[in-house]
Amino acid sequence: MKTPLILIAATIAVGLFYMVLPFTLDVYRRFRYRKVVTCPDTHGLAEVRLNACWAVRKDV
């Protein structure tokens, strides 16, 4: 009876590895650097640093 549980666990592990991990790494890489954006009030440039770990948690 342990074989079906092992197959289910292996399927979930493979799914996490091939689906969630690449998506999480992509979001982390996108948000880890500072960004230059236009301020809506002054229309000047502003440098913004985002918390990449927080972005990963929110996007997943």
N, C-alpha and C. Protein backbone atom coordinates (compact mmCIF):
# COMPACT_ATOMS: atom_id res chain seq x y z
N MET A 1 0.81 -1.19 0.00
CA MET A 1 0.00 0.00 0.00
C MET A 1 0.86 1.27 0.00
N LYS A 2 2.15 1.14 0.24
CA LYS A 2 3.02 2.31 0.27
C LYS A 2 3.36 2.81 -1.13
N THR A 3 3.27 1.94 -2.13
CA THR A 3 3.65 2.31 -3.49
C THR A 3 2.81 3.47 -4.03
N PRO A 4 1.48 3.48 -3.90
CA PRO A 4 0.71 4.63 -4.41
C PRO A 4 1.09 5.94 -3.71
N LEU A 5 1.37 5.90 -2.43
CA LEU A 5 1.76 7.12 -1.73
C LEU A 5 3.10 7.65 -2.23
N ILE A 6 4.02 6.74 -2.51
CA ILE A 6 5.32 7.14 -3.04
C ILE A 6 5.17 7.74 -4.43
N LEU A 7 4.31 7.16 -5.25
CA LEU A 7 4.08 7.70 -6.60
C LEU A 7 3.44 9.08 -6.54
N ILE A 8 2.50 9.26 -5.64
CA ILE A 8 1.86 10.57 -5.48
C ILE A 8 2.88 11.61 -5.02
N ALA A 9 3.69 11.25 -4.04
CA ALA A 9 4.70 12.18 -3.53
C ALA A 9 5.73 12.51 -4.62
N ALA A 10 6.12 11.52 -5.40
CA ALA A 10 7.09 11.76 -6.48
C ALA A 10 6.48 12.67 -7.55
N THR A 11 5.22 12.48 -7.86
CA THR A 11 4.54 13.32 -8.86
C THR A 11 4.47 14.77 -8.38
N ILE A 12 4.16 14.97 -7.12
CA ILE A 12 4.10 16.32 -6.56
C ILE A 12 5.48 16.96 -6.56
N ALA A 13 6.49 16.20 -6.20
CA ALA A 13 7.86 16.73 -6.17
C ALA A 13 8.33 17.13 -7.57
N VAL A 14 8.05 16.31 -8.55
CA VAL A 14 8.43 16.63 -9.93
C VAL A 14 7.67 17.86 -10.42
N GLY A 15 6.39 17.93 -10.08
CA GLY A 15 5.59 19.10 -10.47
C GLY A 15 6.13 20.37 -9.85
N LEU A 16 6.50 20.33 -8.59
CA LEU A 16 7.07 21.51 -7.95
C LEU A 16 8.39 21.90 -8.59
N PHE A 17 9.19 20.92 -8.89
CA PHE A 17 10.51 21.19 -9.45
C PHE A 17 10.41 21.82 -10.84
N TYR A 18 9.53 21.30 -11.69
CA TYR A 18 9.46 21.76 -13.07
C TYR A 18 8.47 22.89 -13.31
N MET A 19 7.57 23.16 -12.39
CA MET A 19 6.57 24.20 -12.60
C MET A 19 6.78 25.40 -11.68
N VAL A 20 6.87 25.17 -10.40
CA VAL A 20 6.93 26.26 -9.43
C VAL A 20 8.32 26.87 -9.34
N LEU A 21 9.33 26.05 -9.32
CA LEU A 21 10.69 26.56 -9.16
C LEU A 21 11.12 27.50 -10.29
N PRO A 22 10.93 27.17 -11.56
CA PRO A 22 11.31 28.13 -12.61
C PRO A 22 10.53 29.43 -12.55
N PHE A 23 9.24 29.36 -12.23
CA PHE A 23 8.42 30.56 -12.12
C PHE A 23 8.91 31.44 -10.97
N THR A 24 9.22 30.83 -9.84
CA THR A 24 9.69 31.57 -8.68
C THR A 24 11.04 32.22 -8.97
N LEU A 25 11.94 31.50 -9.60
CA LEU A 25 13.25 32.07 -9.94
C LEU A 25 13.12 33.22 -10.94
N ASP A 26 12.20 33.12 -11.88
CA ASP A 26 12.00 34.19 -12.85
C ASP A 26 11.51 35.47 -12.16
N VAL A 27 10.55 35.34 -11.27
CA VAL A 27 10.03 36.51 -10.55
C VAL A 27 11.12 37.11 -9.67
N TYR A 28 11.88 36.28 -8.99
CA TYR A 28 12.95 36.78 -8.14
C TYR A 28 13.99 37.56 -8.95
N ARG A 29 14.39 37.01 -10.09
CA ARG A 29 15.39 37.68 -10.92
C ARG A 29 14.86 39.00 -11.48
N ARG A 30 13.57 39.06 -11.77
CA ARG A 30 12.99 40.27 -12.33
C ARG A 30 12.95 41.42 -11.32
N PHE A 31 12.74 41.12 -10.05
CA PHE A 31 12.53 42.16 -9.05
C PHE A 31 13.71 42.39 -8.11
N ARG A 32 14.85 41.75 -8.32
CA ARG A 32 15.93 41.89 -7.35
C ARG A 32 16.77 43.14 -7.53
N TYR A 33 16.70 43.81 -8.66
CA TYR A 33 17.49 45.01 -8.90
C TYR A 33 16.65 46.27 -8.69
N ARG A 34 17.32 47.39 -8.56
CA ARG A 34 16.62 48.67 -8.45
C ARG A 34 16.00 49.04 -9.79
N LYS A 35 14.88 49.70 -9.73
CA LYS A 35 14.16 50.12 -10.94
C LYS A 35 14.08 51.64 -10.96
N VAL A 36 14.11 52.21 -12.14
CA VAL A 36 13.91 53.64 -12.31
C VAL A 36 12.51 53.83 -12.87
N VAL A 37 11.69 54.57 -12.15
CA VAL A 37 10.30 54.80 -12.55
C VAL A 37 10.05 56.31 -12.60
N THR A 38 8.95 56.69 -13.23
CA THR A 38 8.55 58.09 -13.29
C THR A 38 7.57 58.38 -12.17
N CYS A 39 7.85 59.40 -11.39
CA CYS A 39 6.99 59.80 -10.28
C CYS A 39 5.71 60.41 -10.85
N PRO A 40 4.54 59.96 -10.40
CA PRO A 40 3.29 60.51 -10.94
C PRO A 40 3.02 61.95 -10.49
N ASP A 41 3.59 62.38 -9.37
CA ASP A 41 3.35 63.74 -8.88
C ASP A 41 4.26 64.76 -9.56
N THR A 42 5.56 64.50 -9.57
CA THR A 42 6.52 65.47 -10.09
C THR A 42 6.97 65.18 -11.52
N HIS A 43 6.62 64.02 -12.06
CA HIS A 43 7.03 63.57 -13.39
C HIS A 43 8.55 63.50 -13.51
N GLY A 44 9.21 63.36 -12.39
CA GLY A 44 10.65 63.17 -12.38
C GLY A 44 10.99 61.70 -12.23
N LEU A 45 12.26 61.40 -12.36
CA LEU A 45 12.70 60.02 -12.21
C LEU A 45 12.93 59.69 -10.74
N ALA A 46 12.56 58.49 -10.37
CA ALA A 46 12.77 58.03 -9.00
C ALA A 46 13.32 56.62 -9.05
N GLU A 47 14.29 56.34 -8.20
CA GLU A 47 14.87 55.00 -8.13
C GLU A 47 14.18 54.23 -7.00
N VAL A 48 13.69 53.05 -7.33
CA VAL A 48 12.92 52.25 -6.38
C VAL A 48 13.60 50.90 -6.22
N ARG A 49 13.73 50.48 -4.97
CA ARG A 49 14.28 49.15 -4.69
C ARG A 49 13.13 48.30 -4.16
N LEU A 50 12.89 47.18 -4.82
CA LEU A 50 11.80 46.29 -4.42
C LEU A 50 12.35 45.12 -3.62
N ASN A 51 11.54 44.60 -2.74
CA ASN A 51 11.90 43.42 -1.97
C ASN A 51 11.57 42.19 -2.82
N ALA A 52 12.59 41.55 -3.39
CA ALA A 52 12.38 40.45 -4.32
C ALA A 52 11.74 39.24 -3.64
N CYS A 53 12.10 38.97 -2.41
CA CYS A 53 11.51 37.82 -1.71
C CYS A 53 10.01 38.03 -1.49
N TRP A 54 9.62 39.26 -1.19
CA TRP A 54 8.20 39.57 -1.01
C TRP A 54 7.45 39.44 -2.33
N ALA A 55 8.07 39.85 -3.42
CA ALA A 55 7.45 39.74 -4.74
C ALA A 55 7.23 38.28 -5.13
N VAL A 56 8.18 37.43 -4.80
CA VAL A 56 8.04 36.01 -5.09
C VAL A 56 6.88 35.42 -4.31
N ARG A 57 6.77 35.76 -3.05
CA ARG A 57 5.69 35.22 -2.22
C ARG A 57 4.33 35.71 -2.70
N LYS A 58 4.24 36.94 -3.16
CA LYS A 58 2.97 37.50 -3.61
C LYS A 58 2.57 36.96 -4.97
N ASP A 59 3.55 36.67 -5.85
CA ASP A 59 3.25 36.24 -7.20
C ASP A 59 2.86 34.77 -7.27
N VAL A 60 3.38 33.98 -6.39
CA VAL A 60 3.07 32.55 -6.39
C VAL A 60 1.77 32.38 -5.70
